[in-house]
Amino acid sequence: MDRFRTSAVLIAAALAVGLTASVPAPARAEPGGWVDAPVNTPKRKPFSEDLDFLFGALKVAPDETSAKAIEQRIWAQWMVSTSDTANLLMMRVRAAIEAKDMDLAIKLLDGIVKIRPDYVEGWNRRATLYYMKKDYGRSLADIREVLRREPRHFGALAGLGLILQDIGDDKHALDAYRRALDVYPRLQRIPDVVKKLQEEVEGRDI
């Protein structure tokens, strides 16, 4: 292991210190399942942590515990908008989802992406809800908006893979999952999906 990688691994491990004892429930990442934001995320610090630094640490995290702690910090950055109005609407979105009123949640998200089109999680959350309603066209359109603003959004990349699997495009689904793993190598269970799809699309190694 070269000096740079050794240093990066140590940074990733240090970033996780103090976080892992109280890490919230992990994001759902079942095989073929949508990777969504955790129910609870750490409080975003007054001075935002640098996402480039966090993604660099995520890529070289030495173990799953460290990776999960770094993932939580990334979600904390994504979840909070710079707009108080958007944050208030997002709280109402969560309440609507808990009440299983998906139509209301989508209408609220319509308002969020209209007033803050730069707020990535507004697009991502609406993509998730459209997927749940099996409205793949709108879900894919929102994923495109997410990735245009944040190409490293592993949740959106995994969601893209899931939709492509559902519509039978395993080849491009595999590409999407691989892109997600390139950003987040320890993304929970996605490596198993990639292995299975790789065998189906590219065949077994001889």
N, C-alpha and C. Protein backbone atom coordinates (compact mmCIF):
# COMPACT_ATOMS: atom_id res chain seq x y z
N MET A 1 0.85 -1.19 0.00
CA MET A 1 0.00 0.00 0.00
C MET A 1 0.89 1.24 0.00
N ASP A 2 0.70 2.17 -0.97
CA ASP A 2 1.57 3.33 -1.03
C ASP A 2 1.24 4.33 0.07
N ARG A 3 2.13 5.34 0.20
CA ARG A 3 1.98 6.29 1.31
C ARG A 3 0.67 7.06 1.23
N PHE A 4 0.26 7.46 0.01
CA PHE A 4 -0.98 8.22 -0.14
C PHE A 4 -2.19 7.40 0.32
N ARG A 5 -2.25 6.16 -0.15
CA ARG A 5 -3.41 5.33 0.21
C ARG A 5 -3.42 5.05 1.71
N THR A 6 -2.21 4.82 2.29
CA THR A 6 -2.15 4.60 3.73
C THR A 6 -2.70 5.80 4.48
N SER A 7 -2.30 7.00 4.04
CA SER A 7 -2.79 8.22 4.68
C SER A 7 -4.29 8.36 4.52
N ALA A 8 -4.80 8.06 3.32
CA ALA A 8 -6.24 8.20 3.07
C ALA A 8 -7.04 7.24 3.92
N VAL A 9 -6.53 6.01 4.07
CA VAL A 9 -7.23 5.02 4.90
C VAL A 9 -7.27 5.49 6.36
N LEU A 10 -6.17 6.05 6.82
CA LEU A 10 -6.12 6.54 8.20
C LEU A 10 -7.09 7.71 8.40
N ILE A 11 -7.20 8.59 7.39
CA ILE A 11 -8.16 9.70 7.46
C ILE A 11 -9.58 9.16 7.54
N ALA A 12 -9.89 8.17 6.70
CA ALA A 12 -11.23 7.59 6.70
C ALA A 12 -11.56 6.98 8.06
N ALA A 13 -10.60 6.27 8.63
CA ALA A 13 -10.84 5.65 9.94
C ALA A 13 -11.01 6.71 11.02
N ALA A 14 -10.19 7.76 10.96
CA ALA A 14 -10.28 8.82 11.97
C ALA A 14 -11.61 9.55 11.88
N LEU A 15 -12.11 9.73 10.65
CA LEU A 15 -13.38 10.42 10.46
C LEU A 15 -14.52 9.68 11.13
N ALA A 16 -14.39 8.35 11.21
CA ALA A 16 -15.46 7.54 11.80
C ALA A 16 -15.40 7.49 13.31
N VAL A 17 -14.26 7.88 13.90
CA VAL A 17 -14.12 7.80 15.36
C VAL A 17 -15.15 8.70 16.03
N GLY A 18 -15.81 8.18 17.02
CA GLY A 18 -16.80 8.96 17.74
C GLY A 18 -18.18 8.93 17.12
N LEU A 19 -18.28 8.43 15.89
CA LEU A 19 -19.57 8.38 15.20
C LEU A 19 -20.21 7.01 15.29
N THR A 20 -19.38 5.98 15.29
CA THR A 20 -19.91 4.62 15.11
C THR A 20 -20.69 4.13 16.31
N ALA A 21 -20.47 4.69 17.48
CA ALA A 21 -21.20 4.22 18.67
C ALA A 21 -22.67 4.56 18.60
N SER A 22 -23.01 5.62 17.83
CA SER A 22 -24.41 6.04 17.78
C SER A 22 -24.88 6.23 16.35
N VAL A 23 -24.36 5.42 15.43
CA VAL A 23 -24.79 5.51 14.04
C VAL A 23 -26.23 5.07 13.91
N PRO A 24 -27.12 5.88 13.28
CA PRO A 24 -28.52 5.51 13.14
C PRO A 24 -28.69 4.30 12.25
N ALA A 25 -29.94 3.84 12.16
CA ALA A 25 -30.24 2.68 11.32
C ALA A 25 -29.75 2.94 9.91
N PRO A 26 -29.15 1.96 9.24
CA PRO A 26 -28.57 2.16 7.91
C PRO A 26 -29.64 2.37 6.85
N ALA A 27 -29.21 3.01 5.76
CA ALA A 27 -30.11 3.15 4.62
C ALA A 27 -30.46 1.77 4.10
N ARG A 28 -31.66 1.63 3.56
CA ARG A 28 -32.08 0.34 3.03
C ARG A 28 -31.35 0.08 1.73
N ALA A 29 -30.76 -1.07 1.60
CA ALA A 29 -30.04 -1.41 0.37
C ALA A 29 -30.18 -2.90 0.11
N GLU A 30 -31.41 -3.38 0.06
CA GLU A 30 -31.64 -4.79 -0.21
C GLU A 30 -31.22 -5.11 -1.64
N PRO A 31 -30.88 -6.37 -1.90
CA PRO A 31 -30.58 -6.72 -3.29
C PRO A 31 -31.74 -6.34 -4.19
N GLY A 32 -31.48 -5.48 -5.16
CA GLY A 32 -32.54 -5.02 -6.03
C GLY A 32 -33.43 -4.00 -5.36
N GLY A 33 -33.05 -3.46 -4.18
CA GLY A 33 -33.87 -2.49 -3.47
C GLY A 33 -33.34 -1.08 -3.62
N TRP A 34 -34.21 -0.12 -3.36
CA TRP A 34 -33.85 1.29 -3.50
C TRP A 34 -32.98 1.72 -2.33
N VAL A 35 -31.88 2.42 -2.62
CA VAL A 35 -31.01 2.96 -1.58
C VAL A 35 -31.50 4.36 -1.26
N ASP A 36 -32.08 4.53 -0.09
CA ASP A 36 -32.67 5.81 0.28
C ASP A 36 -31.95 6.37 1.50
N ALA A 37 -32.25 7.60 1.82
CA ALA A 37 -31.64 8.25 2.99
C ALA A 37 -32.04 7.51 4.26
N PRO A 38 -31.14 7.46 5.25
CA PRO A 38 -31.49 6.88 6.54
C PRO A 38 -32.63 7.67 7.19
N VAL A 39 -33.34 7.05 8.09
CA VAL A 39 -34.43 7.73 8.80
C VAL A 39 -33.87 8.91 9.59
N ASN A 40 -32.74 8.70 10.24
CA ASN A 40 -32.08 9.75 11.01
C ASN A 40 -30.66 9.93 10.50
N THR A 41 -30.22 11.18 10.43
CA THR A 41 -28.85 11.46 10.04
C THR A 41 -28.21 12.33 11.11
N PRO A 42 -26.87 12.32 11.19
CA PRO A 42 -26.22 13.21 12.16
C PRO A 42 -26.57 14.66 11.85
N LYS A 43 -26.52 15.52 12.88
CA LYS A 43 -26.77 16.93 12.66
C LYS A 43 -25.69 17.51 11.76
N ARG A 44 -26.14 18.29 10.80
CA ARG A 44 -25.18 18.97 9.94
C ARG A 44 -24.50 20.06 10.73
N LYS A 45 -23.18 20.13 10.60
CA LYS A 45 -22.41 21.12 11.35
C LYS A 45 -22.65 22.50 10.77
N PRO A 46 -22.51 23.57 11.60
CA PRO A 46 -22.71 24.93 11.09
C PRO A 46 -21.84 25.22 9.88
N PHE A 47 -20.59 24.74 9.90
CA PHE A 47 -19.72 24.88 8.75
C PHE A 47 -19.68 23.52 8.04
N SER A 48 -20.28 23.48 6.88
CA SER A 48 -20.45 22.22 6.18
C SER A 48 -19.11 21.53 5.93
N GLU A 49 -19.12 20.22 6.14
CA GLU A 49 -17.94 19.44 5.79
C GLU A 49 -17.83 19.37 4.27
N ASP A 50 -16.61 19.34 3.79
CA ASP A 50 -16.36 19.34 2.37
C ASP A 50 -16.74 17.98 1.77
N LEU A 51 -17.65 18.01 0.79
CA LEU A 51 -18.12 16.76 0.20
C LEU A 51 -17.02 16.03 -0.55
N ASP A 52 -16.13 16.78 -1.20
CA ASP A 52 -15.02 16.14 -1.90
C ASP A 52 -14.18 15.32 -0.92
N PHE A 53 -13.91 15.90 0.25
CA PHE A 53 -13.15 15.19 1.28
C PHE A 53 -13.89 13.95 1.74
N LEU A 54 -15.20 14.10 1.99
CA LEU A 54 -16.00 12.96 2.47
C LEU A 54 -16.04 11.84 1.44
N PHE A 55 -16.21 12.19 0.16
CA PHE A 55 -16.25 11.15 -0.87
C PHE A 55 -14.89 10.48 -1.03
N GLY A 56 -13.82 11.26 -0.87
CA GLY A 56 -12.50 10.66 -0.91
C GLY A 56 -12.32 9.66 0.21
N ALA A 57 -12.77 10.02 1.41
CA ALA A 57 -12.68 9.12 2.56
C ALA A 57 -13.58 7.90 2.37
N LEU A 58 -14.77 8.11 1.77
CA LEU A 58 -15.69 7.00 1.55
C LEU A 58 -15.08 5.95 0.64
N LYS A 59 -14.36 6.41 -0.38
CA LYS A 59 -13.81 5.49 -1.37
C LYS A 59 -12.73 4.59 -0.78
N VAL A 60 -12.03 5.06 0.25
CA VAL A 60 -10.93 4.27 0.81
C VAL A 60 -11.21 3.82 2.24
N ALA A 61 -12.48 3.89 2.66
CA ALA A 61 -12.82 3.47 4.02
C ALA A 61 -12.33 2.04 4.26
N PRO A 62 -11.65 1.79 5.38
CA PRO A 62 -11.02 0.49 5.59
C PRO A 62 -11.98 -0.63 5.97
N ASP A 63 -13.20 -0.28 6.40
CA ASP A 63 -14.16 -1.31 6.79
C ASP A 63 -15.57 -0.75 6.67
N GLU A 64 -16.56 -1.63 6.81
CA GLU A 64 -17.95 -1.22 6.63
C GLU A 64 -18.41 -0.23 7.69
N THR A 65 -17.91 -0.38 8.91
CA THR A 65 -18.32 0.52 9.99
C THR A 65 -17.86 1.94 9.70
N SER A 66 -16.62 2.08 9.27
CA SER A 66 -16.10 3.40 8.92
C SER A 66 -16.85 3.98 7.73
N ALA A 67 -17.10 3.14 6.72
CA ALA A 67 -17.81 3.60 5.53
C ALA A 67 -19.21 4.08 5.88
N LYS A 68 -19.90 3.34 6.75
CA LYS A 68 -21.26 3.72 7.13
C LYS A 68 -21.28 5.06 7.85
N ALA A 69 -20.29 5.30 8.71
CA ALA A 69 -20.23 6.56 9.43
C ALA A 69 -20.00 7.73 8.47
N ILE A 70 -19.14 7.52 7.47
CA ILE A 70 -18.88 8.56 6.47
C ILE A 70 -20.13 8.77 5.61
N GLU A 71 -20.80 7.69 5.25
CA GLU A 71 -22.05 7.79 4.48
C GLU A 71 -23.06 8.67 5.21
N GLN A 72 -23.17 8.50 6.54
CA GLN A 72 -24.10 9.30 7.32
C GLN A 72 -23.80 10.79 7.17
N ARG A 73 -22.52 11.14 7.16
CA ARG A 73 -22.12 12.54 7.03
C ARG A 73 -22.48 13.09 5.64
N ILE A 74 -22.34 12.26 4.64
CA ILE A 74 -22.71 12.69 3.29
C ILE A 74 -24.21 12.94 3.21
N TRP A 75 -25.01 11.99 3.75
CA TRP A 75 -26.46 12.19 3.74
C TRP A 75 -26.83 13.46 4.51
N ALA A 76 -26.12 13.75 5.60
CA ALA A 76 -26.42 14.96 6.38
C ALA A 76 -26.24 16.21 5.53
N GLN A 77 -25.24 16.20 4.63
CA GLN A 77 -25.03 17.33 3.73
C GLN A 77 -26.16 17.42 2.70
N TRP A 78 -26.55 16.27 2.17
CA TRP A 78 -27.57 16.25 1.13
C TRP A 78 -28.96 16.61 1.65
N MET A 79 -29.25 16.24 2.88
CA MET A 79 -30.62 16.35 3.38
C MET A 79 -31.04 17.79 3.70
N VAL A 80 -30.07 18.65 4.04
CA VAL A 80 -30.41 20.00 4.50
C VAL A 80 -30.20 21.00 3.38
N SER A 81 -31.27 21.75 3.07
CA SER A 81 -31.19 22.80 2.07
C SER A 81 -30.75 24.11 2.71
N THR A 82 -30.28 25.03 1.88
CA THR A 82 -29.96 26.37 2.38
C THR A 82 -31.21 27.23 2.50
N SER A 83 -32.34 26.67 2.09
CA SER A 83 -33.61 27.40 2.15
C SER A 83 -34.45 26.90 3.34
N ASP A 84 -34.83 27.81 4.23
CA ASP A 84 -35.69 27.43 5.36
C ASP A 84 -37.04 26.92 4.87
N THR A 85 -37.54 27.52 3.79
CA THR A 85 -38.83 27.09 3.23
C THR A 85 -38.74 25.65 2.73
N ALA A 86 -37.67 25.34 2.00
CA ALA A 86 -37.49 23.98 1.49
C ALA A 86 -37.35 22.98 2.63
N ASN A 87 -36.64 23.36 3.69
CA ASN A 87 -36.48 22.47 4.84
C ASN A 87 -37.82 22.22 5.53
N LEU A 88 -38.63 23.27 5.65
CA LEU A 88 -39.95 23.11 6.25
C LEU A 88 -40.83 22.21 5.40
N LEU A 89 -40.80 22.41 4.09
CA LEU A 89 -41.59 21.56 3.19
C LEU A 89 -41.12 20.11 3.26
N MET A 90 -39.80 19.91 3.40
CA MET A 90 -39.29 18.54 3.49
C MET A 90 -39.78 17.85 4.76
N MET A 91 -39.90 18.60 5.86
CA MET A 91 -40.47 18.03 7.07
C MET A 91 -41.90 17.58 6.83
N ARG A 92 -42.64 18.36 6.05
CA ARG A 92 -44.03 17.99 5.72
C ARG A 92 -44.06 16.79 4.77
N VAL A 93 -43.06 16.71 3.90
CA VAL A 93 -42.96 15.53 3.03
C VAL A 93 -42.81 14.27 3.88
N ARG A 94 -41.94 14.32 4.86
CA ARG A 94 -41.72 13.16 5.73
C ARG A 94 -42.99 12.78 6.46
N ALA A 95 -43.73 13.79 6.93
CA ALA A 95 -44.99 13.52 7.64
C ALA A 95 -45.99 12.87 6.68
N ALA A 96 -46.06 13.36 5.45
CA ALA A 96 -46.98 12.80 4.46
C ALA A 96 -46.62 11.36 4.13
N ILE A 97 -45.32 11.08 4.03
CA ILE A 97 -44.89 9.72 3.74
C ILE A 97 -45.25 8.80 4.90
N GLU A 98 -45.04 9.27 6.13
CA GLU A 98 -45.39 8.47 7.30
C GLU A 98 -46.88 8.18 7.33
N ALA A 99 -47.68 9.15 6.83
CA ALA A 99 -49.14 8.96 6.77
C ALA A 99 -49.57 8.20 5.52
N LYS A 100 -48.57 7.77 4.73
CA LYS A 100 -48.80 7.01 3.49
C LYS A 100 -49.62 7.82 2.46
N ASP A 101 -49.48 9.14 2.50
CA ASP A 101 -50.12 10.01 1.52
C ASP A 101 -49.07 10.41 0.49
N MET A 102 -48.81 9.50 -0.45
CA MET A 102 -47.76 9.71 -1.43
C MET A 102 -48.08 10.86 -2.38
N ASP A 103 -49.35 11.03 -2.72
CA ASP A 103 -49.72 12.11 -3.64
C ASP A 103 -49.41 13.47 -3.02
N LEU A 104 -49.73 13.64 -1.73
CA LEU A 104 -49.42 14.90 -1.05
C LEU A 104 -47.91 15.09 -0.98
N ALA A 105 -47.17 14.02 -0.67
CA ALA A 105 -45.72 14.13 -0.59
C ALA A 105 -45.13 14.59 -1.92
N ILE A 106 -45.65 14.05 -3.02
CA ILE A 106 -45.14 14.44 -4.33
C ILE A 106 -45.48 15.90 -4.63
N LYS A 107 -46.68 16.35 -4.27
CA LYS A 107 -47.04 17.76 -4.48
C LYS A 107 -46.12 18.69 -3.70
N LEU A 108 -45.79 18.30 -2.48
CA LEU A 108 -44.87 19.10 -1.67
C LEU A 108 -43.48 19.13 -2.30
N LEU A 109 -43.06 17.99 -2.82
CA LEU A 109 -41.75 17.93 -3.49
C LEU A 109 -41.75 18.73 -4.78
N ASP A 110 -42.90 18.79 -5.46
CA ASP A 110 -43.02 19.66 -6.63
C ASP A 110 -42.66 21.09 -6.26
N GLY A 111 -43.18 21.52 -5.10
CA GLY A 111 -42.90 22.88 -4.63
C GLY A 111 -41.43 23.06 -4.28
N ILE A 112 -40.84 22.04 -3.67
CA ILE A 112 -39.43 22.13 -3.27
C ILE A 112 -38.53 22.29 -4.48
N VAL A 113 -38.71 21.43 -5.49
CA VAL A 113 -37.80 21.50 -6.65
C VAL A 113 -38.06 22.76 -7.47
N LYS A 114 -39.24 23.34 -7.33
CA LYS A 114 -39.53 24.59 -8.05
C LYS A 114 -38.81 25.77 -7.41
N ILE A 115 -38.84 25.83 -6.06
CA ILE A 115 -38.22 26.97 -5.39
C ILE A 115 -36.71 26.78 -5.19
N ARG A 116 -36.27 25.51 -5.09
CA ARG A 116 -34.84 25.23 -4.91
C ARG A 116 -34.40 24.10 -5.83
N PRO A 117 -34.30 24.38 -7.12
CA PRO A 117 -33.90 23.31 -8.06
C PRO A 117 -32.49 22.80 -7.81
N ASP A 118 -31.69 23.53 -7.02
CA ASP A 118 -30.34 23.09 -6.71
C ASP A 118 -30.29 22.13 -5.53
N TYR A 119 -31.43 21.91 -4.89
CA TYR A 119 -31.50 21.03 -3.71
C TYR A 119 -31.65 19.59 -4.19
N VAL A 120 -30.55 18.87 -4.20
CA VAL A 120 -30.50 17.54 -4.81
C VAL A 120 -31.48 16.58 -4.18
N GLU A 121 -31.64 16.63 -2.86
CA GLU A 121 -32.47 15.63 -2.20
C GLU A 121 -33.95 15.80 -2.52
N GLY A 122 -34.36 17.00 -2.92
CA GLY A 122 -35.74 17.18 -3.37
C GLY A 122 -36.03 16.32 -4.59
N TRP A 123 -35.11 16.33 -5.55
CA TRP A 123 -35.26 15.51 -6.75
C TRP A 123 -35.17 14.02 -6.40
N ASN A 124 -34.20 13.68 -5.54
CA ASN A 124 -33.99 12.27 -5.21
C ASN A 124 -35.18 11.68 -4.47
N ARG A 125 -35.73 12.44 -3.54
CA ARG A 125 -36.88 11.93 -2.79
C ARG A 125 -38.09 11.75 -3.69
N ARG A 126 -38.28 12.70 -4.63
CA ARG A 126 -39.42 12.56 -5.55
C ARG A 126 -39.21 11.38 -6.48
N ALA A 127 -37.96 11.15 -6.91
CA ALA A 127 -37.66 9.98 -7.74
C ALA A 127 -38.03 8.69 -7.01
N THR A 128 -37.74 8.65 -5.70
CA THR A 128 -38.07 7.47 -4.90
C THR A 128 -39.57 7.23 -4.89
N LEU A 129 -40.34 8.30 -4.67
CA LEU A 129 -41.79 8.16 -4.59
C LEU A 129 -42.39 7.76 -5.94
N TYR A 130 -41.86 8.35 -7.01
CA TYR A 130 -42.34 7.94 -8.34
C TYR A 130 -42.05 6.47 -8.59
N TYR A 131 -40.89 6.01 -8.13
CA TYR A 131 -40.57 4.59 -8.28
C TYR A 131 -41.59 3.73 -7.52
N MET A 132 -41.92 4.14 -6.30
CA MET A 132 -42.87 3.39 -5.50
C MET A 132 -44.23 3.32 -6.17
N LYS A 133 -44.56 4.36 -6.96
CA LYS A 133 -45.83 4.38 -7.70
C LYS A 133 -45.70 3.71 -9.06
N LYS A 134 -44.49 3.13 -9.33
CA LYS A 134 -44.20 2.46 -10.61
C LYS A 134 -44.26 3.42 -11.78
N ASP A 135 -44.05 4.71 -11.52
CA ASP A 135 -44.00 5.71 -12.58
C ASP A 135 -42.53 5.87 -12.96
N TYR A 136 -42.02 4.91 -13.72
CA TYR A 136 -40.60 4.85 -14.01
C TYR A 136 -40.12 6.02 -14.85
N GLY A 137 -40.94 6.50 -15.75
CA GLY A 137 -40.54 7.62 -16.60
C GLY A 137 -40.20 8.86 -15.78
N ARG A 138 -41.11 9.22 -14.87
CA ARG A 138 -40.85 10.40 -14.04
C ARG A 138 -39.72 10.16 -13.06
N SER A 139 -39.63 8.94 -12.55
CA SER A 139 -38.54 8.62 -11.63
C SER A 139 -37.19 8.77 -12.33
N LEU A 140 -37.08 8.24 -13.54
CA LEU A 140 -35.84 8.36 -14.30
C LEU A 140 -35.51 9.82 -14.62
N ALA A 141 -36.53 10.62 -14.90
CA ALA A 141 -36.30 12.04 -15.19
C ALA A 141 -35.73 12.74 -13.96
N ASP A 142 -36.25 12.40 -12.78
CA ASP A 142 -35.74 13.03 -11.55
C ASP A 142 -34.33 12.53 -11.21
N ILE A 143 -34.08 11.25 -11.45
CA ILE A 143 -32.72 10.73 -11.23
C ILE A 143 -31.73 11.47 -12.13
N ARG A 144 -32.14 11.74 -13.36
CA ARG A 144 -31.28 12.49 -14.27
C ARG A 144 -30.93 13.86 -13.69
N GLU A 145 -31.93 14.52 -13.07
CA GLU A 145 -31.68 15.82 -12.45
C GLU A 145 -30.73 15.70 -11.26
N VAL A 146 -30.90 14.63 -10.48
CA VAL A 146 -29.98 14.41 -9.35
C VAL A 146 -28.56 14.27 -9.84
N LEU A 147 -28.34 13.39 -10.82
CA LEU A 147 -27.00 13.09 -11.28
C LEU A 147 -26.38 14.24 -12.07
N ARG A 148 -27.21 15.09 -12.64
CA ARG A 148 -26.69 16.28 -13.31
C ARG A 148 -26.06 17.23 -12.30
N ARG A 149 -26.66 17.26 -11.10
CA ARG A 149 -26.17 18.16 -10.05
C ARG A 149 -25.12 17.49 -9.16
N GLU A 150 -25.25 16.17 -8.96
CA GLU A 150 -24.32 15.44 -8.10
C GLU A 150 -24.08 14.06 -8.70
N PRO A 151 -23.08 13.96 -9.61
CA PRO A 151 -22.82 12.67 -10.28
C PRO A 151 -22.40 11.57 -9.33
N ARG A 152 -22.01 11.92 -8.11
CA ARG A 152 -21.56 10.91 -7.14
C ARG A 152 -22.70 10.41 -6.25
N HIS A 153 -23.92 10.77 -6.55
CA HIS A 153 -25.04 10.38 -5.68
C HIS A 153 -25.28 8.87 -5.81
N PHE A 154 -24.68 8.12 -4.89
CA PHE A 154 -24.76 6.66 -4.96
C PHE A 154 -26.18 6.15 -4.80
N GLY A 155 -27.02 6.87 -4.06
CA GLY A 155 -28.42 6.46 -3.93
C GLY A 155 -29.15 6.54 -5.25
N ALA A 156 -28.94 7.63 -5.98
CA ALA A 156 -29.59 7.79 -7.28
C ALA A 156 -29.04 6.80 -8.30
N LEU A 157 -27.74 6.54 -8.24
CA LEU A 157 -27.14 5.57 -9.16
C LEU A 157 -27.69 4.17 -8.91
N ALA A 158 -27.82 3.81 -7.63
CA ALA A 158 -28.40 2.50 -7.31
C ALA A 158 -29.87 2.44 -7.73
N GLY A 159 -30.59 3.55 -7.54
CA GLY A 159 -31.99 3.61 -7.98
C GLY A 159 -32.11 3.47 -9.48
N LEU A 160 -31.19 4.10 -10.20
CA LEU A 160 -31.16 3.96 -11.66
C LEU A 160 -30.97 2.50 -12.04
N GLY A 161 -30.05 1.83 -11.39
CA GLY A 161 -29.83 0.41 -11.66
C GLY A 161 -31.08 -0.42 -11.41
N LEU A 162 -31.77 -0.11 -10.32
CA LEU A 162 -32.97 -0.85 -9.96
C LEU A 162 -34.05 -0.72 -11.02
N ILE A 163 -34.28 0.52 -11.48
CA ILE A 163 -35.32 0.74 -12.49
C ILE A 163 -34.94 0.03 -13.79
N LEU A 164 -33.68 0.14 -14.18
CA LEU A 164 -33.25 -0.52 -15.42
C LEU A 164 -33.41 -2.04 -15.30
N GLN A 165 -33.15 -2.59 -14.12
CA GLN A 165 -33.42 -4.02 -13.90
C GLN A 165 -34.89 -4.33 -14.08
N ASP A 166 -35.73 -3.49 -13.48
CA ASP A 166 -37.17 -3.74 -13.52
C ASP A 166 -37.72 -3.73 -14.94
N ILE A 167 -37.12 -2.89 -15.81
CA ILE A 167 -37.62 -2.82 -17.19
C ILE A 167 -36.86 -3.77 -18.11
N GLY A 168 -35.98 -4.59 -17.52
CA GLY A 168 -35.32 -5.64 -18.29
C GLY A 168 -34.03 -5.25 -18.97
N ASP A 169 -33.49 -4.08 -18.64
CA ASP A 169 -32.23 -3.65 -19.26
C ASP A 169 -31.08 -3.95 -18.29
N ASP A 170 -30.75 -5.23 -18.18
CA ASP A 170 -29.74 -5.64 -17.21
C ASP A 170 -28.35 -5.10 -17.52
N LYS A 171 -28.04 -4.95 -18.80
CA LYS A 171 -26.71 -4.47 -19.17
C LYS A 171 -26.46 -3.07 -18.63
N HIS A 172 -27.41 -2.16 -18.85
CA HIS A 172 -27.23 -0.79 -18.36
C HIS A 172 -27.44 -0.70 -16.85
N ALA A 173 -28.25 -1.61 -16.31
CA ALA A 173 -28.38 -1.67 -14.85
C ALA A 173 -27.04 -1.99 -14.22
N LEU A 174 -26.33 -2.95 -14.81
CA LEU A 174 -25.01 -3.32 -14.32
C LEU A 174 -24.06 -2.12 -14.36
N ASP A 175 -24.13 -1.36 -15.45
CA ASP A 175 -23.29 -0.17 -15.56
C ASP A 175 -23.59 0.83 -14.44
N ALA A 176 -24.88 1.02 -14.16
CA ALA A 176 -25.28 1.97 -13.11
C ALA A 176 -24.79 1.52 -11.74
N TYR A 177 -24.96 0.23 -11.45
CA TYR A 177 -24.49 -0.29 -10.16
C TYR A 177 -22.97 -0.18 -10.03
N ARG A 178 -22.28 -0.41 -11.12
CA ARG A 178 -20.81 -0.28 -11.08
C ARG A 178 -20.40 1.16 -10.82
N ARG A 179 -21.13 2.10 -11.40
CA ARG A 179 -20.84 3.52 -11.13
C ARG A 179 -21.07 3.83 -9.66
N ALA A 180 -22.13 3.26 -9.09
CA ALA A 180 -22.39 3.47 -7.66
C ALA A 180 -21.25 2.92 -6.81
N LEU A 181 -20.77 1.74 -7.16
CA LEU A 181 -19.69 1.12 -6.39
C LEU A 181 -18.36 1.83 -6.60
N ASP A 182 -18.19 2.47 -7.73
CA ASP A 182 -16.96 3.24 -7.95
C ASP A 182 -16.90 4.41 -6.98
N VAL A 183 -18.08 4.97 -6.68
CA VAL A 183 -18.16 6.07 -5.71
C VAL A 183 -18.09 5.54 -4.28
N TYR A 184 -18.78 4.43 -4.04
CA TYR A 184 -18.96 3.90 -2.68
C TYR A 184 -18.73 2.39 -2.73
N PRO A 185 -17.48 1.95 -2.68
CA PRO A 185 -17.17 0.52 -2.85
C PRO A 185 -17.83 -0.39 -1.83
N ARG A 186 -18.14 0.12 -0.64
CA ARG A 186 -18.73 -0.71 0.40
C ARG A 186 -20.25 -0.50 0.52
N LEU A 187 -20.86 -0.01 -0.55
CA LEU A 187 -22.31 0.19 -0.54
C LEU A 187 -23.00 -1.14 -0.26
N GLN A 188 -23.82 -1.15 0.76
CA GLN A 188 -24.36 -2.40 1.30
C GLN A 188 -25.12 -3.23 0.27
N ARG A 189 -24.69 -4.48 0.11
CA ARG A 189 -25.34 -5.52 -0.70
C ARG A 189 -25.28 -5.30 -2.21
N ILE A 190 -24.96 -4.11 -2.66
CA ILE A 190 -24.90 -3.86 -4.10
C ILE A 190 -23.83 -4.73 -4.78
N PRO A 191 -22.69 -4.99 -4.14
CA PRO A 191 -21.72 -5.89 -4.78
C PRO A 191 -22.31 -7.26 -5.14
N ASP A 192 -23.22 -7.77 -4.30
CA ASP A 192 -23.86 -9.06 -4.61
C ASP A 192 -24.74 -8.95 -5.85
N VAL A 193 -25.43 -7.81 -5.97
CA VAL A 193 -26.27 -7.59 -7.15
C VAL A 193 -25.40 -7.54 -8.40
N VAL A 194 -24.27 -6.82 -8.29
CA VAL A 194 -23.36 -6.69 -9.43
C VAL A 194 -22.82 -8.06 -9.84
N LYS A 195 -22.43 -8.86 -8.87
CA LYS A 195 -21.90 -10.19 -9.17
C LYS A 195 -22.93 -11.05 -9.92
N LYS A 196 -24.18 -10.99 -9.45
CA LYS A 196 -25.24 -11.79 -10.08
C LYS A 196 -25.50 -11.29 -11.51
N LEU A 197 -25.62 -9.97 -11.66
CA LEU A 197 -25.88 -9.41 -12.98
C LEU A 197 -24.71 -9.66 -13.93
N GLN A 198 -23.51 -9.57 -13.40
CA GLN A 198 -22.33 -9.79 -14.24
C GLN A 198 -22.35 -11.20 -14.83
N GLU A 199 -22.74 -12.17 -14.01
CA GLU A 199 -22.82 -13.55 -14.51
C GLU A 199 -23.89 -13.69 -15.58
N GLU A 200 -25.01 -12.97 -15.38
CA GLU A 200 -26.11 -13.07 -16.35
C GLU A 200 -25.82 -12.33 -17.64
N VAL A 201 -25.16 -11.15 -17.51
CA VAL A 201 -24.93 -10.31 -18.68
C VAL A 201 -23.65 -10.70 -19.43
N GLU A 202 -22.59 -10.96 -18.66
CA GLU A 202 -21.28 -11.20 -19.26
C GLU A 202 -20.83 -12.65 -19.20
N GLY A 203 -21.58 -13.48 -18.49
CA GLY A 203 -21.23 -14.88 -18.38
C GLY A 203 -20.24 -15.14 -17.26
N ARG A 204 -20.14 -16.36 -16.84
CA ARG A 204 -19.21 -16.76 -15.79
C ARG A 204 -17.78 -16.79 -16.33
N ASP A 205 -16.84 -16.50 -15.42
CA ASP A 205 -15.43 -16.65 -15.79
C ASP A 205 -15.11 -18.10 -16.04
N ILE A 206 -14.33 -18.35 -17.04
CA ILE A 206 -13.92 -19.75 -17.34
C ILE A 206 -12.72 -20.12 -16.50
